[in-house]
C-alpha cells in the first residue's frame, strides 16, 4: 500500500473531530432515517419472538418476515405496520446517538491510557474497540430503555391476532404515563438488566466489525473509500450483530412485554424459555432479525458517514477545525 494511501487511511476522520454533542446528533439522525424503513420488520420480529411463548407446541401465525408483514397489513393496514414508530425514533436517538456518539470518545480515552506513545486515532486494539462499543451501547440502552419498553408493547398489541400478553396504549406518552402511574419510576426501567445484556452484546461487535472490515478492505486494496465500501462493511457488521444479539433480544422482548411477573429477570427468562421451548427458541425471529438488522445497520452506518460529514461541516464553520 502506498504511503499516500496509508496516510489517508490513518488520518483523522470527521467522526474523530466533531464534538460529543455533534456525534450524538449525527448518530441519532442516521438511526432515525434507517428505522423508518425497518420498523415494519422490527414489528414482525417482535411478534415472532413472542408467539408460542412458554409453550412446547404452538401455531406459527407469523412464519417469516414477508408473510408476517402481509398478515399484519391484511389485518391492521399500513398504519399497523408502523406501530411504535414514534417510540422507535426517540429510542434510536438515545441508543444510536450514544452508541455512535460515545464510541470514538471512549475509544480515544482508552487508547490514550493504554497506548500513550501512539496517536490514539491510529491505534486499532480489538479489545478496546469491543469495550468501547459495549460501553457506548449500554449508555444508550439505559437512556432509551423506557422507550423500548413502550415500543415493544405497542408493537405486540393487536385486536385481531393476540400474541403474548396484550397491553394497550394510545401512544408513547400514554404508555409512559400509564406505566409511571401504575409502577412508578422503577416500572419505566423494568428489564433494564436484559436491555444492558442485549445492547452490550450487539454494540460490542457492531462498530468493531464495521471498522475492522473497512480497514481490511482498504489495506488489502480490495475496495476504495466510498459508498460501496460503507455498504459492504455495514453488511458484514449487520450479520455479526444479528448472530450475537438474537438470544438476548428474545429475552428482552419477553421481559418487556410481560404485564406481571412471568419472569423474574433475564436469567429466569432464559432458563424457562430453553426448558419449555428448547434452545432453538432463542433464535425465534432470527430471519426477521437479519432482515431488519442488516439493512438497518447498513443504512445507519452508511448514513452516519454522511450525517457526520454534515455535522462536521456545520461545526467547522463554528469552531474552525481546518
C-alpha atoms as a PDB file:
ATOM      1  CA  UNK A   1       0.000   0.000   0.000  1.00  0.00           C
ATOM      2  CA  UNK A   2       1.328   3.429  -0.935  1.00  0.00           C
ATOM      3  CA  UNK A   3       2.353   5.987   1.655  1.00  0.00           C
ATOM      4  CA  UNK A   4      -0.279   8.380   0.318  1.00  0.00           C
ATOM      5  CA  UNK A   5      -2.977   5.764   0.790  1.00  0.00           C
ATOM      6  CA  UNK A   6      -1.646   4.820   4.222  1.00  0.00           C
ATOM      7  CA  UNK A   7      -1.743   8.473   5.292  1.00  0.00           C
ATOM      8  CA  UNK A   8      -5.280   8.744   4.017  1.00  0.00           C
ATOM      9  CA  UNK A   9      -6.239   5.599   5.886  1.00  0.00           C
ATOM     10  CA  UNK A  10      -4.796   6.787   9.186  1.00  0.00           C
ATOM     11  CA  UNK A  11      -5.665  10.458   9.119  1.00  0.00           C
ATOM     12  CA  UNK A  12      -8.275  11.771  11.488  1.00  0.00           C
ATOM     13  CA  UNK A  13     -11.792  11.447  10.108  1.00  0.00           C
ATOM     14  CA  UNK A  14     -14.732  13.768  10.610  1.00  0.00           C
ATOM     15  CA  UNK A  15     -16.057  11.338  13.250  1.00  0.00           C
ATOM     16  CA  UNK A  16     -12.945  11.887  15.340  1.00  0.00           C
ATOM     17  CA  UNK A  17     -13.007  15.678  15.051  1.00  0.00           C
ATOM     18  CA  UNK A  18     -16.612  16.594  15.855  1.00  0.00           C
ATOM     19  CA  UNK A  19     -17.784  17.308  19.394  1.00  0.00           C
ATOM     20  CA  UNK A  20     -19.531  14.692  21.525  1.00  0.00           C
ATOM     21  CA  UNK A  21     -22.821  16.510  21.012  1.00  0.00           C
ATOM     22  CA  UNK A  22     -22.224  16.599  17.268  1.00  0.00           C
ATOM     23  CA  UNK A  23     -21.520  12.866  17.216  1.00  0.00           C
ATOM     24  CA  UNK A  24     -24.699  12.248  19.224  1.00  0.00           C
ATOM     25  CA  UNK A  25     -26.773  14.293  16.748  1.00  0.00           C
ATOM     26  CA  UNK A  26     -25.210  12.627  13.700  1.00  0.00           C
ATOM     27  CA  UNK A  27     -25.680   9.129  15.113  1.00  0.00           C
ATOM     28  CA  UNK A  28     -29.283   9.756  16.168  1.00  0.00           C
ATOM     29  CA  UNK A  29     -30.237  11.314  12.834  1.00  0.00           C
ATOM     30  CA  UNK A  30     -28.735   8.428  10.853  1.00  0.00           C
ATOM     31  CA  UNK A  31     -30.549   5.875  13.008  1.00  0.00           C
ATOM     32  CA  UNK A  32     -33.929   7.620  12.601  1.00  0.00           C
ATOM     33  CA  UNK A  33     -33.606   7.547   8.816  1.00  0.00           C
ATOM     34  CA  UNK A  34     -32.851   3.827   8.966  1.00  0.00           C
ATOM     35  CA  UNK A  35     -35.626   2.897  11.412  1.00  0.00           C
ATOM     36  CA  UNK A  36     -38.297   4.495   9.227  1.00  0.00           C
ATOM     37  CA  UNK A  37     -37.612   1.772   6.669  1.00  0.00           C
ATOM     38  CA  UNK A  38     -37.005  -1.138   9.036  1.00  0.00           C
ATOM     39  CA  UNK A  39     -39.732  -0.592  11.655  1.00  0.00           C
ATOM     40  CA  UNK A  40     -42.263  -2.937   9.954  1.00  0.00           C
ATOM     41  CA  UNK A  41     -39.680  -5.740  10.073  1.00  0.00           C
ATOM     42  CA  UNK A  42     -38.981  -4.943  13.741  1.00  0.00           C
ATOM     43  CA  UNK A  43     -42.721  -5.267  14.363  1.00  0.00           C
ATOM     44  CA  UNK A  44     -42.806  -8.739  12.777  1.00  0.00           C
ATOM     45  CA  UNK A  45     -39.663  -9.751  14.675  1.00  0.00           C
ATOM     46  CA  UNK A  46     -41.263  -8.781  17.988  1.00  0.00           C
ATOM     47  CA  UNK A  47     -44.359 -10.868  17.321  1.00  0.00           C
ATOM     48  CA  UNK A  48     -42.350 -13.853  16.039  1.00  0.00           C
ATOM     49  CA  UNK A  49     -40.323 -13.804  19.253  1.00  0.00           C
ATOM     50  CA  UNK A  50     -43.489 -13.796  21.361  1.00  0.00           C
ATOM     51  CA  UNK A  51     -45.528 -16.446  19.531  1.00  0.00           C
ATOM     52  CA  UNK A  52     -45.501 -19.793  21.292  1.00  0.00           C
ATOM     53  CA  UNK A  53     -44.156 -18.179  24.466  1.00  0.00           C
ATOM     54  CA  UNK A  54     -43.572 -20.871  27.108  1.00  0.00           C
ATOM     55  CA  UNK A  55     -45.465 -23.410  25.033  1.00  0.00           C
ATOM     56  CA  UNK A  56     -43.900 -26.603  23.705  1.00  0.00           C
ATOM     57  CA  UNK A  57     -46.286 -26.653  20.729  1.00  0.00           C
ATOM     58  CA  UNK A  58     -47.995 -23.594  19.320  1.00  0.00           C
ATOM     59  CA  UNK A  59     -49.340 -22.473  15.959  1.00  0.00           C
ATOM     60  CA  UNK A  60     -46.921 -20.292  13.987  1.00  0.00           C
ATOM     61  CA  UNK A  61     -49.073 -17.417  12.769  1.00  0.00           C
ATOM     62  CA  UNK A  62     -46.040 -15.435  11.613  1.00  0.00           C
ATOM     63  CA  UNK A  63     -43.880 -17.858   9.606  1.00  0.00           C
ATOM     64  CA  UNK A  64     -41.316 -15.483   8.095  1.00  0.00           C
ATOM     65  CA  UNK A  65     -40.774 -11.715   7.729  1.00  0.00           C
ATOM     66  CA  UNK A  66     -42.553 -11.252   4.393  1.00  0.00           C
ATOM     67  CA  UNK A  67     -45.510 -13.475   5.276  1.00  0.00           C
ATOM     68  CA  UNK A  68     -45.684 -11.772   8.690  1.00  0.00           C
ATOM     69  CA  UNK A  69     -45.819  -8.291   7.175  1.00  0.00           C
ATOM     70  CA  UNK A  70     -48.530  -9.478   4.770  1.00  0.00           C
ATOM     71  CA  UNK A  71     -50.616 -10.829   7.678  1.00  0.00           C
ATOM     72  CA  UNK A  72     -50.271  -7.579   9.619  1.00  0.00           C
ATOM     73  CA  UNK A  73     -51.070  -5.460   6.556  1.00  0.00           C
ATOM     74  CA  UNK A  74     -54.153  -7.570   5.793  1.00  0.00           C
ATOM     75  CA  UNK A  75     -55.496  -7.299   9.360  1.00  0.00           C
ATOM     76  CA  UNK A  76     -54.221  -3.908  10.540  1.00  0.00           C
ATOM     77  CA  UNK A  77     -53.432  -1.921   7.396  1.00  0.00           C
ATOM     78  CA  UNK A  78     -50.396   0.210   6.576  1.00  0.00           C
ATOM     79  CA  UNK A  79     -50.712   2.024   9.896  1.00  0.00           C
ATOM     80  CA  UNK A  80     -50.388  -1.283  11.698  1.00  0.00           C
ATOM     81  CA  UNK A  81     -47.027  -1.925  10.056  1.00  0.00           C
ATOM     82  CA  UNK A  82     -45.629   1.257  11.606  1.00  0.00           C
ATOM     83  CA  UNK A  83     -46.811   0.672  15.164  1.00  0.00           C
ATOM     84  CA  UNK A  84     -44.359   2.027  17.700  1.00  0.00           C
ATOM     85  CA  UNK A  85     -42.539   4.210  15.140  1.00  0.00           C
ATOM     86  CA  UNK A  86     -42.526   7.361  17.286  1.00  0.00           C
ATOM     87  CA  UNK A  87     -41.187   5.409  20.267  1.00  0.00           C
ATOM     88  CA  UNK A  88     -38.629   3.830  17.932  1.00  0.00           C
ATOM     89  CA  UNK A  89     -37.468   7.294  16.785  1.00  0.00           C
ATOM     90  CA  UNK A  90     -36.862   8.504  20.326  1.00  0.00           C
ATOM     91  CA  UNK A  91     -35.239   5.216  21.320  1.00  0.00           C
ATOM     92  CA  UNK A  92     -32.931   5.298  18.303  1.00  0.00           C
ATOM     93  CA  UNK A  93     -31.856   8.843  19.143  1.00  0.00           C
ATOM     94  CA  UNK A  94     -30.963   7.696  22.665  1.00  0.00           C
ATOM     95  CA  UNK A  95     -29.394   4.375  21.679  1.00  0.00           C
ATOM     96  CA  UNK A  96     -27.579   5.122  18.454  1.00  0.00           C
ATOM     97  CA  UNK A  97     -26.863   8.711  19.352  1.00  0.00           C
ATOM     98  CA  UNK A  98     -24.993   7.285  22.348  1.00  0.00           C
ATOM     99  CA  UNK A  99     -23.620   4.213  20.557  1.00  0.00           C
ATOM    100  CA  UNK A 100     -22.243   6.209  17.658  1.00  0.00           C
ATOM    101  CA  UNK A 101     -21.592   9.394  19.598  1.00  0.00           C
ATOM    102  CA  UNK A 102     -19.674   7.998  22.560  1.00  0.00           C
ATOM    103  CA  UNK A 103     -17.807   5.217  20.748  1.00  0.00           C
ATOM    104  CA  UNK A 104     -14.941   7.335  19.422  1.00  0.00           C
ATOM    105  CA  UNK A 105     -14.505   9.422  22.619  1.00  0.00           C
ATOM    106  CA  UNK A 106     -14.405   6.287  24.808  1.00  0.00           C
ATOM    107  CA  UNK A 107     -12.044   4.562  22.377  1.00  0.00           C
ATOM    108  CA  UNK A 108      -9.838   7.639  22.313  1.00  0.00           C
ATOM    109  CA  UNK A 109      -9.571   7.799  26.108  1.00  0.00           C
ATOM    110  CA  UNK A 110      -8.776   4.087  26.383  1.00  0.00           C
ATOM    111  CA  UNK A 111      -6.224   4.229  23.555  1.00  0.00           C
ATOM    112  CA  UNK A 112      -4.538   7.255  25.146  1.00  0.00           C
ATOM    113  CA  UNK A 113      -4.465   5.472  28.508  1.00  0.00           C
ATOM    114  CA  UNK A 114      -3.061   2.135  27.320  1.00  0.00           C
ATOM    115  CA  UNK A 115      -1.061   3.374  24.321  1.00  0.00           C
ATOM    116  CA  UNK A 116       0.262   6.782  25.471  1.00  0.00           C
ATOM    117  CA  UNK A 117       3.158   6.723  22.994  1.00  0.00           C
ATOM    118  CA  UNK A 118       0.905   6.396  19.925  1.00  0.00           C
ATOM    119  CA  UNK A 119      -1.644   8.660  18.294  1.00  0.00           C
ATOM    120  CA  UNK A 120      -4.949   7.499  19.762  1.00  0.00           C
ATOM    121  CA  UNK A 121      -6.905   7.606  16.498  1.00  0.00           C
ATOM    122  CA  UNK A 122      -4.374   5.285  14.792  1.00  0.00           C
ATOM    123  CA  UNK A 123      -4.500   2.526  17.425  1.00  0.00           C
ATOM    124  CA  UNK A 124      -6.644  -0.474  16.449  1.00  0.00           C
ATOM    125  CA  UNK A 125      -6.981  -2.710  19.510  1.00  0.00           C
ATOM    126  CA  UNK A 126      -9.742  -5.321  19.205  1.00  0.00           C
ATOM    127  CA  UNK A 127     -10.229  -5.442  22.987  1.00  0.00           C
ATOM    128  CA  UNK A 128     -10.522  -1.663  23.296  1.00  0.00           C
ATOM    129  CA  UNK A 129     -12.845  -1.479  20.282  1.00  0.00           C
ATOM    130  CA  UNK A 130     -15.126  -4.133  21.792  1.00  0.00           C
ATOM    131  CA  UNK A 131     -15.160  -2.450  25.218  1.00  0.00           C
ATOM    132  CA  UNK A 132     -15.837   0.938  23.619  1.00  0.00           C
ATOM    133  CA  UNK A 133     -18.688  -0.463  21.550  1.00  0.00           C
ATOM    134  CA  UNK A 134     -20.270  -2.247  24.501  1.00  0.00           C
ATOM    135  CA  UNK A 135     -19.887   0.769  26.817  1.00  0.00           C
ATOM    136  CA  UNK A 136     -21.392   3.260  24.378  1.00  0.00           C
ATOM    137  CA  UNK A 137     -24.269   0.879  23.651  1.00  0.00           C
ATOM    138  CA  UNK A 138     -25.020   0.338  27.331  1.00  0.00           C
ATOM    139  CA  UNK A 139     -25.196   4.111  27.861  1.00  0.00           C
ATOM    140  CA  UNK A 140     -27.782   4.286  25.089  1.00  0.00           C
ATOM    141  CA  UNK A 141     -29.712   1.292  26.408  1.00  0.00           C
ATOM    142  CA  UNK A 142     -30.077   2.883  29.835  1.00  0.00           C
ATOM    143  CA  UNK A 143     -31.205   6.203  28.364  1.00  0.00           C
ATOM    144  CA  UNK A 144     -33.665   4.615  25.944  1.00  0.00           C
ATOM    145  CA  UNK A 145     -34.997   1.687  27.982  1.00  0.00           C
ATOM    146  CA  UNK A 146     -38.421   3.225  28.814  1.00  0.00           C
ATOM    147  CA  UNK A 147     -38.976   3.933  25.108  1.00  0.00           C
ATOM    148  CA  UNK A 148     -38.061   0.378  24.088  1.00  0.00           C
ATOM    149  CA  UNK A 149     -40.430  -0.904  26.775  1.00  0.00           C
ATOM    150  CA  UNK A 150     -43.332   1.119  25.360  1.00  0.00           C
ATOM    151  CA  UNK A 151     -42.352   0.317  21.764  1.00  0.00           C
ATOM    152  CA  UNK A 152     -42.402  -3.421  22.456  1.00  0.00           C
ATOM    153  CA  UNK A 153     -45.875  -3.270  23.986  1.00  0.00           C
ATOM    154  CA  UNK A 154     -47.225  -1.047  21.221  1.00  0.00           C
ATOM    155  CA  UNK A 155     -45.922  -3.452  18.577  1.00  0.00           C
ATOM    156  CA  UNK A 156     -47.114  -6.638  20.284  1.00  0.00           C
ATOM    157  CA  UNK A 157     -50.685  -5.346  20.688  1.00  0.00           C
ATOM    158  CA  UNK A 158     -53.222  -6.414  18.077  1.00  0.00           C
ATOM    159  CA  UNK A 159     -57.006  -6.512  18.193  1.00  0.00           C
ATOM    160  CA  UNK A 160     -57.168  -9.192  15.504  1.00  0.00           C
ATOM    161  CA  UNK A 161     -54.336 -11.625  16.382  1.00  0.00           C
ATOM    162  CA  UNK A 162     -53.305 -11.866  20.009  1.00  0.00           C
ATOM    163  CA  UNK A 163     -49.667 -12.878  20.543  1.00  0.00           C
ATOM    164  CA  UNK A 164     -48.154 -12.843  24.032  1.00  0.00           C
ATOM    165  CA  UNK A 165     -49.538 -10.664  26.806  1.00  0.00           C
ATOM    166  CA  UNK A 166     -51.503  -7.710  25.448  1.00  0.00           C
ATOM    167  CA  UNK A 167     -51.164  -4.155  26.779  1.00  0.00           C
ATOM    168  CA  UNK A 168     -52.969  -1.336  25.008  1.00  0.00           C
ATOM    169  CA  UNK A 169     -51.604   2.224  24.921  1.00  0.00           C
ATOM    170  CA  UNK A 170     -52.913   5.088  22.793  1.00  0.00           C
ATOM    171  CA  UNK A 171     -49.377   6.244  22.082  1.00  0.00           C
ATOM    172  CA  UNK A 172     -45.921   6.854  23.516  1.00  0.00           C
ATOM    173  CA  UNK A 173     -46.950   9.466  26.070  1.00  0.00           C
ATOM    174  CA  UNK A 174     -49.940   7.398  27.222  1.00  0.00           C
ATOM    175  CA  UNK A 175     -47.684   4.375  27.614  1.00  0.00           C
ATOM    176  CA  UNK A 176     -45.060   6.196  29.673  1.00  0.00           C
ATOM    177  CA  UNK A 177     -47.732   7.897  31.803  1.00  0.00           C
ATOM    178  CA  UNK A 178     -49.644   4.652  32.434  1.00  0.00           C
ATOM    179  CA  UNK A 179     -46.532   2.736  33.443  1.00  0.00           C
ATOM    180  CA  UNK A 180     -45.394   5.551  35.738  1.00  0.00           C
ATOM    181  CA  UNK A 181     -48.827   5.809  37.400  1.00  0.00           C
ATOM    182  CA  UNK A 182     -49.079   2.057  37.994  1.00  0.00           C
ATOM    183  CA  UNK A 183     -45.471   1.115  38.745  1.00  0.00           C
ATOM    184  CA  UNK A 184     -43.649   4.365  39.446  1.00  0.00           C
ATOM    185  CA  UNK A 185     -40.253   5.365  38.074  1.00  0.00           C
ATOM    186  CA  UNK A 186     -38.907   1.845  38.687  1.00  0.00           C
ATOM    187  CA  UNK A 187     -41.565   0.462  36.344  1.00  0.00           C
ATOM    188  CA  UNK A 188     -40.185   2.525  33.472  1.00  0.00           C
ATOM    189  CA  UNK A 189     -36.918   0.641  33.857  1.00  0.00           C
ATOM    190  CA  UNK A 190     -38.384  -2.847  34.049  1.00  0.00           C
ATOM    191  CA  UNK A 191     -35.987  -5.191  32.251  1.00  0.00           C
ATOM    192  CA  UNK A 192     -33.060  -2.757  32.198  1.00  0.00           C
ATOM    193  CA  UNK A 193     -30.700  -5.646  33.070  1.00  0.00           C
ATOM    194  CA  UNK A 194     -31.878  -7.555  29.996  1.00  0.00           C
ATOM    195  CA  UNK A 195     -31.547  -4.383  27.906  1.00  0.00           C
ATOM    196  CA  UNK A 196     -27.944  -3.941  29.015  1.00  0.00           C
ATOM    197  CA  UNK A 197     -27.124  -7.561  28.108  1.00  0.00           C
ATOM    198  CA  UNK A 198     -28.786  -7.285  24.691  1.00  0.00           C
ATOM    199  CA  UNK A 199     -27.387  -3.923  23.734  1.00  0.00           C
ATOM    200  CA  UNK A 200     -23.978  -4.587  25.203  1.00  0.00           C
ATOM    201  CA  UNK A 201     -23.730  -7.782  23.147  1.00  0.00           C
ATOM    202  CA  UNK A 202     -24.819  -6.079  19.918  1.00  0.00           C
ATOM    203  CA  UNK A 203     -22.823  -2.901  20.418  1.00  0.00           C
ATOM    204  CA  UNK A 204     -19.664  -4.771  21.362  1.00  0.00           C
ATOM    205  CA  UNK A 205     -19.447  -6.160  17.838  1.00  0.00           C
ATOM    206  CA  UNK A 206     -21.227  -3.617  15.615  1.00  0.00           C
ATOM    207  CA  UNK A 207     -18.672  -0.839  15.260  1.00  0.00           C
ATOM    208  CA  UNK A 208     -15.581  -3.020  15.806  1.00  0.00           C
ATOM    209  CA  UNK A 209     -16.655  -5.353  12.975  1.00  0.00           C
ATOM    210  CA  UNK A 210     -17.572  -2.387  10.778  1.00  0.00           C
ATOM    211  CA  UNK A 211     -14.276  -0.579  11.347  1.00  0.00           C
ATOM    212  CA  UNK A 212     -12.220  -3.770  11.048  1.00  0.00           C
ATOM    213  CA  UNK A 213     -13.956  -4.740   7.799  1.00  0.00           C
ATOM    214  CA  UNK A 214     -13.354  -1.264   6.362  1.00  0.00           C
ATOM    215  CA  UNK A 215      -9.710  -1.301   7.340  1.00  0.00           C
ATOM    216  CA  UNK A 216      -9.059  -4.789   5.906  1.00  0.00           C
ATOM    217  CA  UNK A 217     -10.804  -3.935   2.637  1.00  0.00           C
ATOM    218  CA  UNK A 218      -8.806  -0.713   2.327  1.00  0.00           C
ATOM    219  CA  UNK A 219      -5.475  -2.107   3.456  1.00  0.00           C
ATOM    220  CA  UNK A 220      -5.613  -5.014   1.006  1.00  0.00           C
ATOM    221  CA  UNK A 221      -6.722  -2.784  -1.893  1.00  0.00           C
ATOM    222  CA  UNK A 222      -9.963  -4.771  -2.220  1.00  0.00           C
ATOM    223  CA  UNK A 223     -12.123  -1.626  -2.189  1.00  0.00           C
ATOM    224  CA  UNK A 224     -11.641   2.114  -2.127  1.00  0.00           C
ATOM    225  CA  UNK A 225     -13.138   4.654   0.270  1.00  0.00           C
ATOM    226  CA  UNK A 226     -16.705   5.430  -0.720  1.00  0.00           C
ATOM    227  CA  UNK A 227     -20.346   4.347  -0.518  1.00  0.00           C
ATOM    228  CA  UNK A 228     -19.618   0.819  -1.796  1.00  0.00           C
ATOM    229  CA  UNK A 229     -17.091   0.237   0.971  1.00  0.00           C
ATOM    230  CA  UNK A 230     -19.543   1.507   3.591  1.00  0.00           C
ATOM    231  CA  UNK A 231     -22.284  -0.820   2.306  1.00  0.00           C
ATOM    232  CA  UNK A 232     -20.079  -3.933   2.319  1.00  0.00           C
ATOM    233  CA  UNK A 233     -18.619  -3.202   5.775  1.00  0.00           C
ATOM    234  CA  UNK A 234     -22.108  -2.440   7.111  1.00  0.00           C
ATOM    235  CA  UNK A 235     -23.478  -5.719   5.738  1.00  0.00           C
ATOM    236  CA  UNK A 236     -20.721  -7.717   7.431  1.00  0.00           C
ATOM    237  CA  UNK A 237     -21.336  -5.814  10.668  1.00  0.00           C
ATOM    238  CA  UNK A 238     -25.104  -6.349  10.492  1.00  0.00           C
ATOM    239  CA  UNK A 239     -24.791 -10.116  10.122  1.00  0.00           C
ATOM    240  CA  UNK A 240     -22.396 -10.284  13.059  1.00  0.00           C
ATOM    241  CA  UNK A 241     -24.715  -8.218  15.261  1.00  0.00           C
ATOM    242  CA  UNK A 242     -27.716 -10.396  14.374  1.00  0.00           C
ATOM    243  CA  UNK A 243     -25.949 -13.621  15.328  1.00  0.00           C
ATOM    244  CA  UNK A 244     -24.627 -12.303  18.639  1.00  0.00           C
ATOM    245  CA  UNK A 245     -27.691 -10.354  19.735  1.00  0.00           C
ATOM    246  CA  UNK A 246     -30.723 -12.507  18.846  1.00  0.00           C
ATOM    247  CA  UNK A 247     -30.860 -14.707  22.009  1.00  0.00           C
ATOM    248  CA  UNK A 248     -30.681 -11.617  24.232  1.00  0.00           C
ATOM    249  CA  UNK A 249     -33.236  -9.882  22.015  1.00  0.00           C
ATOM    250  CA  UNK A 250     -35.761 -12.697  22.505  1.00  0.00           C
ATOM    251  CA  UNK A 251     -35.280 -12.493  26.255  1.00  0.00           C
ATOM    252  CA  UNK A 252     -35.595  -8.696  26.293  1.00  0.00           C
ATOM    253  CA  UNK A 253     -38.767  -8.725  24.177  1.00  0.00           C
ATOM    254  CA  UNK A 254     -40.462 -11.182  26.509  1.00  0.00           C
ATOM    255  CA  UNK A 255     -39.458  -9.400  29.698  1.00  0.00           C
ATOM    256  CA  UNK A 256     -40.587  -6.028  28.331  1.00  0.00           C
ATOM    257  CA  UNK A 257     -43.888  -7.410  27.085  1.00  0.00           C
ATOM    258  CA  UNK A 258     -44.930  -9.138  30.324  1.00  0.00           C
ATOM    259  CA  UNK A 259     -47.555  -7.372  32.403  1.00  0.00           C
ATOM    260  CA  UNK A 260     -46.942  -9.256  35.635  1.00  0.00           C
ATOM    261  CA  UNK A 261     -44.018 -11.258  36.905  1.00  0.00           C
ATOM    262  CA  UNK A 262     -43.884 -14.139  34.456  1.00  0.00           C
ATOM    263  CA  UNK A 263     -40.109 -13.782  34.521  1.00  0.00           C
ATOM    264  CA  UNK A 264     -38.012 -12.661  37.483  1.00  0.00           C
ATOM    265  CA  UNK A 265     -35.215 -11.466  35.237  1.00  0.00           C
ATOM    266  CA  UNK A 266     -33.157 -12.319  32.149  1.00  0.00           C
ATOM    267  CA  UNK A 267     -31.632 -15.484  33.658  1.00  0.00           C
ATOM    268  CA  UNK A 268     -35.055 -16.789  34.719  1.00  0.00           C
ATOM    269  CA  UNK A 269     -36.447 -15.976  31.269  1.00  0.00           C
ATOM    270  CA  UNK A 270     -33.515 -17.745  29.606  1.00  0.00           C
ATOM    271  CA  UNK A 271     -33.970 -20.901  31.716  1.00  0.00           C
ATOM    272  CA  UNK A 272     -37.765 -21.079  31.278  1.00  0.00           C
ATOM    273  CA  UNK A 273     -37.590 -20.438  27.541  1.00  0.00           C
ATOM    274  CA  UNK A 274     -34.949 -23.123  26.922  1.00  0.00           C
ATOM    275  CA  UNK A 275     -36.559 -25.659  29.269  1.00  0.00           C
ATOM    276  CA  UNK A 276     -40.066 -25.386  27.764  1.00  0.00           C
ATOM    277  CA  UNK A 277     -39.423 -24.419  24.134  1.00  0.00           C
ATOM    278  CA  UNK A 278     -35.912 -25.724  23.558  1.00  0.00           C
ATOM    279  CA  UNK A 279     -32.680 -23.893  22.798  1.00  0.00           C
ATOM    280  CA  UNK A 280     -33.840 -23.039  19.281  1.00  0.00           C
ATOM    281  CA  UNK A 281     -36.413 -20.668  20.829  1.00  0.00           C
ATOM    282  CA  UNK A 282     -33.534 -18.269  21.499  1.00  0.00           C
ATOM    283  CA  UNK A 283     -33.347 -17.775  17.752  1.00  0.00           C
ATOM    284  CA  UNK A 284     -37.041 -17.167  17.192  1.00  0.00           C
ATOM    285  CA  UNK A 285     -37.458 -14.309  14.757  1.00  0.00           C
ATOM    286  CA  UNK A 286     -33.848 -14.694  13.590  1.00  0.00           C
ATOM    287  CA  UNK A 287     -34.844 -14.379   9.922  1.00  0.00           C
ATOM    288  CA  UNK A 288     -36.613 -11.133  10.745  1.00  0.00           C
ATOM    289  CA  UNK A 289     -33.665 -10.102  12.909  1.00  0.00           C
ATOM    290  CA  UNK A 290     -31.268 -10.392   9.975  1.00  0.00           C
ATOM    291  CA  UNK A 291     -33.865  -8.992   7.580  1.00  0.00           C
ATOM    292  CA  UNK A 292     -34.124  -5.975   9.880  1.00  0.00           C
ATOM    293  CA  UNK A 293     -30.696  -5.515  11.387  1.00  0.00           C
ATOM    294  CA  UNK A 294     -28.679  -5.995   8.208  1.00  0.00           C
ATOM    295  CA  UNK A 295     -30.419  -3.188   6.267  1.00  0.00           C
ATOM    296  CA  UNK A 296     -30.789  -1.133   9.444  1.00  0.00           C
ATOM    297  CA  UNK A 297     -27.070  -1.388  10.174  1.00  0.00           C
ATOM    298  CA  UNK A 298     -26.232  -0.752   6.523  1.00  0.00           C
ATOM    299  CA  UNK A 299     -28.399   2.361   6.362  1.00  0.00           C
ATOM    300  CA  UNK A 300     -27.481   3.554   9.843  1.00  0.00           C
ATOM    301  CA  UNK A 301     -23.720   3.308   9.384  1.00  0.00           C
ATOM    302  CA  UNK A 302     -23.819   4.473   5.770  1.00  0.00           C
ATOM    303  CA  UNK A 303     -25.979   7.482   6.596  1.00  0.00           C
ATOM    304  CA  UNK A 304     -23.777   8.110   9.630  1.00  0.00           C
ATOM    305  CA  UNK A 305     -20.835   8.699   7.313  1.00  0.00           C
ATOM    306  CA  UNK A 306     -22.912  11.407   5.625  1.00  0.00           C
ATOM    307  CA  UNK A 307     -24.555  12.905   8.730  1.00  0.00           C
ATOM    308  CA  UNK A 308     -21.151  13.013  10.446  1.00  0.00           C
ATOM    309  CA  UNK A 309     -19.771  14.988   7.493  1.00  0.00           C
ATOM    310  CA  UNK A 310     -22.796  17.290   7.664  1.00  0.00           C
ATOM    311  CA  UNK A 311     -22.343  17.907  11.387  1.00  0.00           C
ATOM    312  CA  UNK A 312     -18.595  18.339  10.852  1.00  0.00           C
ATOM    313  CA  UNK A 313     -19.176  20.973   8.174  1.00  0.00           C
ATOM    314  CA  UNK A 314     -21.509  22.893  10.493  1.00  0.00           C
ATOM    315  CA  UNK A 315     -19.117  22.667  13.455  1.00  0.00           C
ATOM    316  CA  UNK A 316     -16.168  23.522  11.228  1.00  0.00           C
ATOM    317  CA  UNK A 317     -17.805  26.849  10.408  1.00  0.00           C
ATOM    318  CA  UNK A 318     -18.256  27.497  14.116  1.00  0.00           C
ATOM    319  CA  UNK A 319     -15.030  26.137  15.587  1.00  0.00           C
ATOM    320  CA  UNK A 320     -12.716  26.247  12.566  1.00  0.00           C
ATOM    321  CA  UNK A 321     -11.227  22.737  12.607  1.00  0.00           C
ATOM    322  CA  UNK A 322      -9.341  23.213   9.337  1.00  0.00           C
END
